[in-house]
PDB file of N, CA and C in Angstrom:
ATOM      1  N   MET A   1     -20.912 -19.745   0.871  1.00  0.00           N
ATOM      2  CA  MET A   1     -20.253 -18.683   1.282  1.00  0.00           C
ATOM      3  C   MET A   1     -18.722 -18.600   1.033  1.00  0.00           C
ATOM      4  N   ALA A   2     -18.305 -17.482   0.833  1.00  0.00           N
ATOM      5  CA  ALA A   2     -16.903 -17.155   0.544  1.00  0.00           C
ATOM      6  C   ALA A   2     -16.139 -17.809   1.602  1.00  0.00           C
ATOM      7  N   GLU A   3     -14.840 -18.324   1.023  1.00  0.00           N
ATOM      8  CA  GLU A   3     -13.822 -18.914   1.947  1.00  0.00           C
ATOM      9  C   GLU A   3     -13.021 -17.720   2.554  1.00  0.00           C
ATOM     10  N   ILE A   4     -12.875 -17.672   3.825  1.00  0.00           N
ATOM     11  CA  ILE A   4     -12.003 -16.412   4.266  1.00  0.00           C
ATOM     12  C   ILE A   4     -11.028 -17.125   5.134  1.00  0.00           C
ATOM     13  N   THR A   5      -9.729 -16.810   4.828  1.00  0.00           N
ATOM     14  CA  THR A   5      -8.535 -17.344   5.550  1.00  0.00           C
ATOM     15  C   THR A   5      -8.094 -16.563   6.782  1.00  0.00           C
ATOM     16  N   ASP A   6      -7.271 -17.079   7.626  1.00  0.00           N
ATOM     17  CA  ASP A   6      -6.831 -16.289   8.713  1.00  0.00           C
ATOM     18  C   ASP A   6      -6.217 -15.136   8.344  1.00  0.00           C
ATOM     19  N   GLU A   7      -5.388 -15.283   7.376  1.00  0.00           N
ATOM     20  CA  GLU A   7      -4.378 -14.190   6.650  1.00  0.00           C
ATOM     21  C   GLU A   7      -5.302 -12.949   6.256  1.00  0.00           C
ATOM     22  N   MET A   8      -6.442 -13.443   5.515  1.00  0.00           N
ATOM     23  CA  MET A   8      -7.434 -12.453   5.242  1.00  0.00           C
ATOM     24  C   MET A   8      -8.061 -11.634   6.279  1.00  0.00           C
ATOM     25  N   MET A   9      -8.386 -12.444   7.287  1.00  0.00           N
ATOM     26  CA  MET A   9      -8.979 -11.690   8.502  1.00  0.00           C
ATOM     27  C   MET A   9      -8.069 -10.788   9.245  1.00  0.00           C
ATOM     28  N   ARG A  10      -6.801 -11.361   9.428  1.00  0.00           N
ATOM     29  CA  ARG A  10      -5.749 -10.362  10.055  1.00  0.00           C
ATOM     30  C   ARG A  10      -5.662  -9.137   9.357  1.00  0.00           C
ATOM     31  N   GLU A  11      -5.423  -9.256   7.900  1.00  0.00           N
ATOM     32  CA  GLU A  11      -5.261  -8.009   7.134  1.00  0.00           C
ATOM     33  C   GLU A  11      -6.493  -6.986   7.211  1.00  0.00           C
ATOM     34  N   ARG A  12      -7.548  -7.737   7.117  1.00  0.00           N
ATOM     35  CA  ARG A  12      -8.732  -6.744   7.291  1.00  0.00           C
ATOM     36  C   ARG A  12      -8.957  -6.092   8.487  1.00  0.00           C
ATOM     37  N   LEU A  13      -8.630  -6.776   9.720  1.00  0.00           N
ATOM     38  CA  LEU A  13      -8.747  -6.434  11.050  1.00  0.00           C
ATOM     39  C   LEU A  13      -7.792  -5.261  11.255  1.00  0.00           C
ATOM     40  N   GLN A  14      -6.647  -5.168  10.692  1.00  0.00           N
ATOM     41  CA  GLN A  14      -5.658  -4.234  10.780  1.00  0.00           C
ATOM     42  C   GLN A  14      -6.171  -2.868  10.259  1.00  0.00           C
ATOM     43  N   LYS A  15      -7.058  -2.899   9.329  1.00  0.00           N
ATOM     44  CA  LYS A  15      -7.530  -1.739   8.781  1.00  0.00           C
ATOM     45  C   LYS A  15      -8.937  -1.080   9.525  1.00  0.00           C
ATOM     46  N   SER A  16      -9.283  -1.972  10.274  1.00  0.00           N
ATOM     47  CA  SER A  16     -10.499  -1.476  11.122  1.00  0.00           C
ATOM     48  C   SER A  16     -10.214  -0.101  11.933  1.00  0.00           C
ATOM     49  N   ARG A  17     -11.260   0.591  12.220  1.00  0.00           N
ATOM     50  CA  ARG A  17     -11.012   1.994  12.942  1.00  0.00           C
ATOM     51  C   ARG A  17     -12.252   2.085  13.719  1.00  0.00           C
ATOM     52  N   ALA A  18     -11.941   3.167  14.849  1.00  0.00           N
ATOM     53  CA  ALA A  18     -13.014   3.526  15.753  1.00  0.00           C
ATOM     54  C   ALA A  18     -13.958   4.381  15.211  1.00  0.00           C
ATOM     55  N   TYR A  19     -15.428   4.048  15.490  1.00  0.00           N
ATOM     56  CA  TYR A  19     -16.587   4.710  15.244  1.00  0.00           C
ATOM     57  C   TYR A  19     -17.357   4.926  16.645  1.00  0.00           C
ATOM     58  N   CYS A  20     -18.447   5.464  16.506  1.00  0.00           N
ATOM     59  CA  CYS A  20     -19.366   5.519  17.645  1.00  0.00           C
ATOM     60  C   CYS A  20     -20.763   5.225  17.282  1.00  0.00           C
ATOM     61  N   LEU A  21     -21.282   4.215  17.800  1.00  0.00           N
ATOM     62  CA  LEU A  21     -22.776   3.603  17.629  1.00  0.00           C
ATOM     63  C   LEU A  21     -23.697   4.448  18.492  1.00  0.00           C
ATOM     64  N   LEU A  22     -24.676   5.049  17.898  1.00  0.00           N
ATOM     65  CA  LEU A  22     -25.677   5.818  18.476  1.00  0.00           C
ATOM     66  C   LEU A  22     -27.017   4.996  18.406  1.00  0.00           C
ATOM     67  N   ILE A  23     -27.770   4.851  19.768  1.00  0.00           N
ATOM     68  CA  ILE A  23     -28.947   4.128  19.856  1.00  0.00           C
ATOM     69  C   ILE A  23     -29.871   5.284  20.258  1.00  0.00           C
ATOM     70  N   LEU A  24     -30.933   5.593  19.277  1.00  0.00           N
ATOM     71  CA  LEU A  24     -31.722   6.769  19.636  1.00  0.00           C
ATOM     72  C   LEU A  24     -33.108   6.130  20.118  1.00  0.00           C
ATOM     73  N   LYS A  25     -33.643   6.515  21.337  1.00  0.00           N
ATOM     74  CA  LYS A  25     -34.817   5.954  21.885  1.00  0.00           C
ATOM     75  C   LYS A  25     -35.768   7.214  22.125  1.00  0.00           C
ATOM     76  N   ARG A  26     -37.008   6.730  22.349  1.00  0.00           N
ATOM     77  CA  ARG A  26     -38.275   7.525  22.852  1.00  0.00           C
ATOM     78  C   ARG A  26     -37.866   8.239  24.073  1.00  0.00           C
ATOM     79  N   GLY A  27     -37.908   9.490  24.027  1.00  0.00           N
ATOM     80  CA  GLY A  27     -37.713  10.220  25.356  1.00  0.00           C
ATOM     81  C   GLY A  27     -39.079  10.510  25.994  1.00  0.00           C
ATOM     82  N   PRO A  28     -39.253  11.086  27.288  1.00  0.00           N
ATOM     83  CA  PRO A  28     -40.320  11.304  27.915  1.00  0.00           C
ATOM     84  C   PRO A  28     -41.290  12.183  27.112  1.00  0.00           C
ATOM     85  N   ASN A  29     -40.878  12.925  26.367  1.00  0.00           N
ATOM     86  CA  ASN A  29     -41.736  13.990  25.531  1.00  0.00           C
ATOM     87  C   ASN A  29     -42.105  13.443  24.233  1.00  0.00           C
ATOM     88  N   TYR A  30     -41.862  12.230  23.858  1.00  0.00           N
ATOM     89  CA  TYR A  30     -42.080  11.836  22.484  1.00  0.00           C
ATOM     90  C   TYR A  30     -43.468  11.934  21.987  1.00  0.00           C
ATOM     91  N   THR A  31     -44.478  11.806  22.712  1.00  0.00           N
ATOM     92  CA  THR A  31     -45.802  12.142  22.229  1.00  0.00           C
ATOM     93  C   THR A  31     -46.468  13.531  22.495  1.00  0.00           C
ATOM     94  N   MET A  32     -45.438  14.530  23.021  1.00  0.00           N
ATOM     95  CA  MET A  32     -46.141  15.616  23.347  1.00  0.00           C
ATOM     96  C   MET A  32     -46.462  16.430  22.066  1.00  0.00           C
ATOM     97  N   GLU A  33     -47.339  17.317  22.159  1.00  0.00           N
ATOM     98  CA  GLU A  33     -47.869  18.167  21.135  1.00  0.00           C
ATOM     99  C   GLU A  33     -46.724  18.888  20.386  1.00  0.00           C
ATOM    100  N   GLY A  34     -46.662  18.789  19.084  1.00  0.00           N
ATOM    101  CA  GLY A  34     -45.515  19.518  18.456  1.00  0.00           C
ATOM    102  C   GLY A  34     -44.254  18.650  18.251  1.00  0.00           C
ATOM    103  N   ALA A  35     -44.317  17.415  18.840  1.00  0.00           N
ATOM    104  CA  ALA A  35     -43.064  16.586  18.599  1.00  0.00           C
ATOM    105  C   ALA A  35     -42.793  16.298  17.084  1.00  0.00           C
ATOM    106  N   ASP A  36     -43.819  16.118  16.202  1.00  0.00           N
ATOM    107  CA  ASP A  36     -43.696  15.830  14.893  1.00  0.00           C
ATOM    108  C   ASP A  36     -42.531  16.752  14.051  1.00  0.00           C
ATOM    109  N   ARG A  37     -42.856  18.108  14.539  1.00  0.00           N
ATOM    110  CA  ARG A  37     -41.998  19.239  14.056  1.00  0.00           C
ATOM    111  C   ARG A  37     -40.716  19.165  14.421  1.00  0.00           C
ATOM    112  N   ILE A  38     -40.420  18.869  15.649  1.00  0.00           N
ATOM    113  CA  ILE A  38     -38.986  18.712  16.406  1.00  0.00           C
ATOM    114  C   ILE A  38     -38.539  17.433  15.652  1.00  0.00           C
ATOM    115  N   ILE A  39     -39.237  16.416  15.487  1.00  0.00           N
ATOM    116  CA  ILE A  39     -38.644  15.234  14.817  1.00  0.00           C
ATOM    117  C   ILE A  39     -38.322  15.564  13.390  1.00  0.00           C
ATOM    118  N   TRP A  40     -38.937  16.297  12.682  1.00  0.00           N
ATOM    119  CA  TRP A  40     -38.489  16.719  11.415  1.00  0.00           C
ATOM    120  C   TRP A  40     -37.300  17.579  11.319  1.00  0.00           C
ATOM    121  N   GLU A  41     -37.106  18.462  12.314  1.00  0.00           N
ATOM    122  CA  GLU A  41     -35.957  19.242  12.386  1.00  0.00           C
ATOM    123  C   GLU A  41     -34.844  18.307  12.844  1.00  0.00           C
ATOM    124  N   HIS A  42     -35.027  17.274  13.590  1.00  0.00           N
ATOM    125  CA  HIS A  42     -34.011  16.379  13.993  1.00  0.00           C
ATOM    126  C   HIS A  42     -33.428  15.851  12.714  1.00  0.00           C
ATOM    127  N   GLY A  43     -34.396  15.298  11.932  1.00  0.00           N
ATOM    128  CA  GLY A  43     -34.180  14.710  10.593  1.00  0.00           C
ATOM    129  C   GLY A  43     -33.232  15.481   9.632  1.00  0.00           C
ATOM    130  N   ARG A  44     -33.616  16.970   9.657  1.00  0.00           N
ATOM    131  CA  ARG A  44     -33.010  17.881   8.935  1.00  0.00           C
ATOM    132  C   ARG A  44     -31.398  17.832   9.416  1.00  0.00           C
ATOM    133  N   ARG A  45     -31.269  17.915  10.633  1.00  0.00           N
ATOM    134  CA  ARG A  45     -29.911  17.791  11.111  1.00  0.00           C
ATOM    135  C   ARG A  45     -29.218  16.646  10.698  1.00  0.00           C
ATOM    136  N   ASN A  46     -29.833  15.503  10.866  1.00  0.00           N
ATOM    137  CA  ASN A  46     -29.087  14.292  10.339  1.00  0.00           C
ATOM    138  C   ASN A  46     -28.660  14.327   9.018  1.00  0.00           C
ATOM    139  N   PHE A  47     -29.468  14.868   8.081  1.00  0.00           N
ATOM    140  CA  PHE A  47     -29.049  15.126   6.677  1.00  0.00           C
ATOM    141  C   PHE A  47     -27.920  15.908   6.674  1.00  0.00           C
ATOM    142  N   SER A  48     -27.785  16.969   7.476  1.00  0.00           N
ATOM    143  CA  SER A  48     -26.707  17.796   7.400  1.00  0.00           C
ATOM    144  C   SER A  48     -25.310  17.190   8.040  1.00  0.00           C
ATOM    145  N   LEU A  49     -25.460  16.456   9.079  1.00  0.00           N
ATOM    146  CA  LEU A  49     -24.405  15.716   9.583  1.00  0.00           C
ATOM    147  C   LEU A  49     -23.921  14.784   8.596  1.00  0.00           C
ATOM    148  N   ARG A  50     -24.752  13.940   7.944  1.00  0.00           N
ATOM    149  CA  ARG A  50     -24.333  13.059   6.839  1.00  0.00           C
ATOM    150  C   ARG A  50     -23.664  13.743   5.686  1.00  0.00           C
ATOM    151  N   ALA A  51     -24.231  14.939   5.159  1.00  0.00           N
ATOM    152  CA  ALA A  51     -23.458  15.745   4.317  1.00  0.00           C
ATOM    153  C   ALA A  51     -22.130  16.154   4.690  1.00  0.00           C
ATOM    154  N   ASP A  52     -21.792  16.555   6.030  1.00  0.00           N
ATOM    155  CA  ASP A  52     -20.619  16.934   6.573  1.00  0.00           C
ATOM    156  C   ASP A  52     -19.594  15.724   6.618  1.00  0.00           C
ATOM    157  N   GLY A  53     -20.058  14.504   6.557  1.00  0.00           N
ATOM    158  CA  GLY A  53     -19.230  13.260   6.758  1.00  0.00           C
ATOM    159  C   GLY A  53     -19.201  12.880   8.285  1.00  0.00           C
ATOM    160  N   LEU A  54     -20.000  13.362   9.169  1.00  0.00           N
ATOM    161  CA  LEU A  54     -19.858  13.035  10.492  1.00  0.00           C
ATOM    162  C   LEU A  54     -20.872  11.825  10.699  1.00  0.00           C
ATOM    163  N   LEU A  55     -21.882  11.629  10.252  1.00  0.00           N
ATOM    164  CA  LEU A  55     -23.006  10.576  10.590  1.00  0.00           C
ATOM    165  C   LEU A  55     -22.860   9.682   9.245  1.00  0.00           C
ATOM    166  N   SER A  56     -22.209   8.591   9.254  1.00  0.00           N
ATOM    167  CA  SER A  56     -21.925   7.597   8.161  1.00  0.00           C
ATOM    168  C   SER A  56     -23.225   6.981   7.698  1.00  0.00           C
ATOM    169  N   ILE A  57     -23.985   6.357   8.690  1.00  0.00           N
ATOM    170  CA  ILE A  57     -25.038   5.571   8.503  1.00  0.00           C
ATOM    171  C   ILE A  57     -26.183   5.942   9.405  1.00  0.00           C
ATOM    172  N   VAL A  58     -27.445   6.156   8.919  1.00  0.00           N
ATOM    173  CA  VAL A  58     -28.520   6.372   9.768  1.00  0.00           C
ATOM    174  C   VAL A  58     -29.577   5.323   9.280  1.00  0.00           C
ATOM    175  N   CYS A  59     -30.059   4.632  10.450  1.00  0.00           N
ATOM    176  CA  CYS A  59     -31.201   3.650  10.121  1.00  0.00           C
ATOM    177  C   CYS A  59     -32.284   3.951  11.154  1.00  0.00           C
ATOM    178  N   PRO A  60     -33.347   4.656  10.648  1.00  0.00           N
ATOM    179  CA  PRO A  60     -34.567   4.776  11.401  1.00  0.00           C
ATOM    180  C   PRO A  60     -35.237   3.442  11.605  1.00  0.00           C
ATOM    181  N   VAL A  61     -35.761   3.321  12.854  1.00  0.00           N
ATOM    182  CA  VAL A  61     -36.470   2.111  13.354  1.00  0.00           C
ATOM    183  C   VAL A  61     -37.864   2.341  13.555  1.00  0.00           C
ATOM    184  N   PRO A  62     -38.721   1.884  12.471  1.00  0.00           N
ATOM    185  CA  PRO A  62     -40.173   2.155  12.534  1.00  0.00           C
ATOM    186  C   PRO A  62     -41.085   1.152  13.085  1.00  0.00           C
ATOM    187  N   ASP A  63     -40.618   0.434  14.197  1.00  0.00           N
ATOM    188  CA  ASP A  63     -41.383  -0.449  14.894  1.00  0.00           C
ATOM    189  C   ASP A  63     -42.036   0.251  16.179  1.00  0.00           C
ATOM    190  N   ASP A  64     -42.609  -0.693  16.941  1.00  0.00           N
ATOM    191  CA  ASP A  64     -43.352  -0.383  18.149  1.00  0.00           C
ATOM    192  C   ASP A  64     -42.453  -0.113  19.464  1.00  0.00           C
ATOM    193  N   SER A  65     -41.178  -0.622  19.290  1.00  0.00           N
ATOM    194  CA  SER A  65     -40.302  -0.576  20.253  1.00  0.00           C
ATOM    195  C   SER A  65     -39.950   0.881  20.883  1.00  0.00           C
ATOM    196  N   ASP A  66     -39.063   1.254  21.896  1.00  0.00           N
ATOM    197  CA  ASP A  66     -38.619   2.494  22.113  1.00  0.00           C
ATOM    198  C   ASP A  66     -37.562   3.006  21.398  1.00  0.00           C
ATOM    199  N   VAL A  67     -36.925   1.941  20.589  1.00  0.00           N
ATOM    200  CA  VAL A  67     -35.830   2.315  19.702  1.00  0.00           C
ATOM    201  C   VAL A  67     -36.337   3.284  18.608  1.00  0.00           C
ATOM    202  N   CYS A  68     -35.811   4.354  18.405  1.00  0.00           N
ATOM    203  CA  CYS A  68     -36.170   5.064  17.240  1.00  0.00           C
ATOM    204  C   CYS A  68     -35.245   5.174  15.829  1.00  0.00           C
ATOM    205  N   GLY A  69     -34.002   4.823  16.320  1.00  0.00           N
ATOM    206  CA  GLY A  69     -32.995   4.899  15.232  1.00  0.00           C
ATOM    207  C   GLY A  69     -31.638   4.434  15.546  1.00  0.00           C
ATOM    208  N   VAL A  70     -30.827   4.100  14.710  1.00  0.00           N
ATOM    209  CA  VAL A  70     -29.490   3.585  14.928  1.00  0.00           C
ATOM    210  C   VAL A  70     -28.650   4.589  14.012  1.00  0.00           C
ATOM    211  N   GLY A  71     -27.288   4.866  14.523  1.00  0.00           N
ATOM    212  CA  GLY A  71     -26.569   5.744  13.722  1.00  0.00           C
ATOM    213  C   GLY A  71     -25.054   5.300  13.988  1.00  0.00           C
ATOM    214  N   ILE A  72     -24.254   5.393  12.937  1.00  0.00           N
ATOM    215  CA  ILE A  72     -22.736   5.214  13.196  1.00  0.00           C
ATOM    216  C   ILE A  72     -22.218   6.631  12.760  1.00  0.00           C
ATOM    217  N   PHE A  73     -21.259   7.135  13.690  1.00  0.00           N
ATOM    218  CA  PHE A  73     -20.787   8.316  13.533  1.00  0.00           C
ATOM    219  C   PHE A  73     -19.332   8.157  13.267  1.00  0.00           C
ATOM    220  N   ASN A  74     -18.791   8.868  12.608  1.00  0.00           N
ATOM    221  CA  ASN A  74     -17.377   8.874  12.241  1.00  0.00           C
ATOM    222  C   ASN A  74     -16.796   9.938  13.112  1.00  0.00           C
ATOM    223  N   ALA A  75     -16.766   9.663  14.427  1.00  0.00           N
ATOM    224  CA  ALA A  75     -16.370  10.539  15.498  1.00  0.00           C
ATOM    225  C   ALA A  75     -16.251   9.645  16.875  1.00  0.00           C
ATOM    226  N   ASP A  76     -15.506  10.173  17.834  1.00  0.00           N
ATOM    227  CA  ASP A  76     -15.420   9.679  19.084  1.00  0.00           C
ATOM    228  C   ASP A  76     -16.689   9.865  19.852  1.00  0.00           C
ATOM    229  N   SER A  77     -16.803   9.308  21.204  1.00  0.00           N
ATOM    230  CA  SER A  77     -18.007   9.269  21.872  1.00  0.00           C
ATOM    231  C   SER A  77     -18.016  10.586  22.302  1.00  0.00           C
ATOM    232  N   ALA A  78     -16.851  11.269  22.830  1.00  0.00           N
ATOM    233  CA  ALA A  78     -17.105  12.701  23.379  1.00  0.00           C
ATOM    234  C   ALA A  78     -17.718  13.688  22.435  1.00  0.00           C
ATOM    235  N   GLU A  79     -17.229  13.651  21.099  1.00  0.00           N
ATOM    236  CA  GLU A  79     -17.779  14.515  20.134  1.00  0.00           C
ATOM    237  C   GLU A  79     -19.173  14.306  19.677  1.00  0.00           C
ATOM    238  N   VAL A  80     -19.472  12.940  19.764  1.00  0.00           N
ATOM    239  CA  VAL A  80     -21.009  12.591  19.408  1.00  0.00           C
ATOM    240  C   VAL A  80     -21.801  13.066  20.529  1.00  0.00           C
ATOM    241  N   ARG A  81     -21.288  13.007  21.707  1.00  0.00           N
ATOM    242  CA  ARG A  81     -22.160  13.387  22.892  1.00  0.00           C
ATOM    243  C   ARG A  81     -22.419  14.901  22.809  1.00  0.00           C
ATOM    244  N   LYS A  82     -21.374  15.728  22.391  1.00  0.00           N
ATOM    245  CA  LYS A  82     -21.511  17.185  22.152  1.00  0.00           C
ATOM    246  C   LYS A  82     -22.622  17.459  20.981  1.00  0.00           C
ATOM    247  N   ILE A  83     -22.534  16.539  20.146  1.00  0.00           N
ATOM    248  CA  ILE A  83     -23.363  16.732  18.817  1.00  0.00           C
ATOM    249  C   ILE A  83     -24.799  16.511  19.338  1.00  0.00           C
ATOM    250  N   MET A  84     -25.025  15.247  20.030  1.00  0.00           N
ATOM    251  CA  MET A  84     -26.318  14.745  20.303  1.00  0.00           C
ATOM    252  C   MET A  84     -27.026  15.772  21.417  1.00  0.00           C
ATOM    253  N   ASP A  85     -26.234  16.245  22.329  1.00  0.00           N
ATOM    254  CA  ASP A  85     -26.826  17.105  23.372  1.00  0.00           C
ATOM    255  C   ASP A  85     -27.430  18.422  22.850  1.00  0.00           C
ATOM    256  N   THR A  86     -26.932  18.874  21.671  1.00  0.00           N
ATOM    257  CA  THR A  86     -27.419  19.952  21.065  1.00  0.00           C
ATOM    258  C   THR A  86     -28.618  19.594  19.997  1.00  0.00           C
ATOM    259  N   ASP A  87     -28.855  18.263  19.787  1.00  0.00           N
ATOM    260  CA  ASP A  87     -29.969  17.944  18.868  1.00  0.00           C
ATOM    261  C   ASP A  87     -31.405  18.488  19.370  1.00  0.00           C
ATOM    262  N   PRO A  88     -32.175  18.971  18.294  1.00  0.00           N
ATOM    263  CA  PRO A  88     -33.436  19.572  18.787  1.00  0.00           C
ATOM    264  C   PRO A  88     -34.404  18.487  19.702  1.00  0.00           C
ATOM    265  N   GLY A  89     -34.330  17.207  18.915  1.00  0.00           N
ATOM    266  CA  GLY A  89     -35.044  16.179  19.663  1.00  0.00           C
ATOM    267  C   GLY A  89     -34.578  15.841  21.132  1.00  0.00           C
ATOM    268  N   VAL A  90     -33.379  15.771  21.299  1.00  0.00           N
ATOM    269  CA  VAL A  90     -32.797  15.749  22.701  1.00  0.00           C
ATOM    270  C   VAL A  90     -33.086  16.672  23.459  1.00  0.00           C
ATOM    271  N   GLU A  91     -32.705  17.976  23.069  1.00  0.00           N
ATOM    272  CA  GLU A  91     -33.081  19.101  23.862  1.00  0.00           C
ATOM    273  C   GLU A  91     -34.585  19.161  24.319  1.00  0.00           C
ATOM    274  N   ALA A  92     -35.441  18.808  23.428  1.00  0.00           N
ATOM    275  CA  ALA A  92     -36.804  18.781  23.842  1.00  0.00           C
ATOM    276  C   ALA A  92     -37.515  17.727  24.710  1.00  0.00           C
ATOM    277  N   GLY A  93     -36.481  16.614  24.905  1.00  0.00           N
ATOM    278  CA  GLY A  93     -36.905  15.500  25.609  1.00  0.00           C
ATOM    279  C   GLY A  93     -37.859  14.526  24.814  1.00  0.00           C
ATOM    280  N   VAL A  94     -37.846  14.746  23.502  1.00  0.00           N
ATOM    281  CA  VAL A  94     -38.348  13.865  22.460  1.00  0.00           C
ATOM    282  C   VAL A  94     -37.531  12.620  22.414  1.00  0.00           C
ATOM    283  N   PHE A  95     -36.301  12.540  22.433  1.00  0.00           N
ATOM    284  CA  PHE A  95     -35.402  11.568  22.353  1.00  0.00           C
ATOM    285  C   PHE A  95     -34.522  11.505  23.529  1.00  0.00           C
ATOM    286  N   VAL A  96     -33.916  10.383  23.810  1.00  0.00           N
ATOM    287  CA  VAL A  96     -32.674  10.140  24.459  1.00  0.00           C
ATOM    288  C   VAL A  96     -31.999   9.224  23.815  1.00  0.00           C
ATOM    289  N   TYR A  97     -30.640   8.956  24.223  1.00  0.00           N
ATOM    290  CA  TYR A  97     -29.785   8.109  23.529  1.00  0.00           C
ATOM    291  C   TYR A  97     -28.655   7.522  24.243  1.00  0.00           C
ATOM    292  N   ASP A  98     -28.094   6.404  23.676  1.00  0.00           N
ATOM    293  CA  ASP A  98     -27.012   5.698  24.242  1.00  0.00           C
ATOM    294  C   ASP A  98     -25.981   5.516  23.278  1.00  0.00           C
ATOM    295  N   LEU A  99     -24.771   5.745  23.711  1.00  0.00           N
ATOM    296  CA  LEU A  99     -23.571   5.673  22.805  1.00  0.00           C
ATOM    297  C   LEU A  99     -22.565   4.626  23.165  1.00  0.00           C
ATOM    298  N   HIS A 100     -22.136   3.961  22.055  1.00  0.00           N
ATOM    299  CA  HIS A 100     -21.098   2.889  22.256  1.00  0.00           C
ATOM    300  C   HIS A 100     -19.988   2.910  21.504  1.00  0.00           C
ATOM    301  N   PRO A 101     -18.684   3.000  22.019  1.00  0.00           N
ATOM    302  CA  PRO A 101     -17.585   2.756  20.992  1.00  0.00           C
ATOM    303  C   PRO A 101     -17.709   1.598  20.245  1.00  0.00           C
ATOM    304  N   CYS A 102     -17.314   1.723  19.006  1.00  0.00           N
ATOM    305  CA  CYS A 102     -17.422   0.601  18.174  1.00  0.00           C
ATOM    306  C   CYS A 102     -16.152   0.476  17.022  1.00  0.00           C
ATOM    307  N   ARG A 103     -16.046  -0.474  16.396  1.00  0.00           N
ATOM    308  CA  ARG A 103     -14.950  -0.539  15.417  1.00  0.00           C
ATOM    309  C   ARG A 103     -15.747  -1.076  14.138  1.00  0.00           C
ATOM    310  N   GLY A 104     -15.238  -0.538  12.942  1.00  0.00           N
ATOM    311  CA  GLY A 104     -15.730  -0.940  11.703  1.00  0.00           C
ATOM    312  C   GLY A 104     -14.739  -0.805  10.698  1.00  0.00           C
ATOM    313  N   PHE A 105     -15.091  -0.984   9.409  1.00  0.00           N
ATOM    314  CA  PHE A 105     -14.158  -1.075   8.287  1.00  0.00           C
ATOM    315  C   PHE A 105     -14.452   0.035   7.499  1.00  0.00           C
ATOM    316  N   PRO A 106     -13.570   1.004   7.137  1.00  0.00           N
ATOM    317  CA  PRO A 106     -13.817   2.061   6.185  1.00  0.00           C
ATOM    318  C   PRO A 106     -14.088   1.482   4.774  1.00  0.00           C
ATOM    319  N   GLY A 107     -15.045   2.273   4.196  1.00  0.00           N
ATOM    320  CA  GLY A 107     -15.612   1.754   2.893  1.00  0.00           C
ATOM    321  C   GLY A 107     -16.920   0.894   2.987  1.00  0.00           C
ATOM    322  N   ASP A 108     -17.139   0.406   4.162  1.00  0.00           N
ATOM    323  CA  ASP A 108     -18.301  -0.358   4.229  1.00  0.00           C
ATOM    324  C   ASP A 108     -19.623   0.335   4.023  1.00  0.00           C
ATOM    325  N   ALA A 109     -20.683  -0.342   3.467  1.00  0.00           N
ATOM    326  CA  ALA A 109     -21.786   0.545   3.024  1.00  0.00           C
ATOM    327  C   ALA A 109     -22.912  -0.491   2.972  1.00  0.00           C
ATOM    328  N   LEU A 110     -24.069   0.246   3.079  1.00  0.00           N
ATOM    329  CA  LEU A 110     -25.328  -0.668   3.035  1.00  0.00           C
ATOM    330  C   LEU A 110     -25.612  -0.910   1.524  1.00  0.00           C
ATOM    331  N   ALA A 111     -26.195  -2.157   1.327  1.00  0.00           N
ATOM    332  CA  ALA A 111     -26.398  -2.486  -0.175  1.00  0.00           C
ATOM    333  C   ALA A 111     -27.473  -1.572  -0.744  1.00  0.00           C
TER     334      ALA A 111
END
């Protein structure tokens, strides 16, 4: 493992900034007829949010849990709530979500 000094940590921590973590979960209508089309449009919206620089990281969760995905938004919780409340999947009750303010480091990316 790389050696990390206290000075390196302090310098890096000063560069951290606020983001919003989204945990997307199955809603009461997740299995309703037509949900697959709604989920497709939800995905299209995610692509648009990424292109606009608002949704920095999108991670679908393809397991058997109630968690459907995780996202990190480049916005505060109030703005993300407005965005998500107009999501087609949320409006249809296919999804529900939790938001959590978090901190991260600009420039971080998935490998």
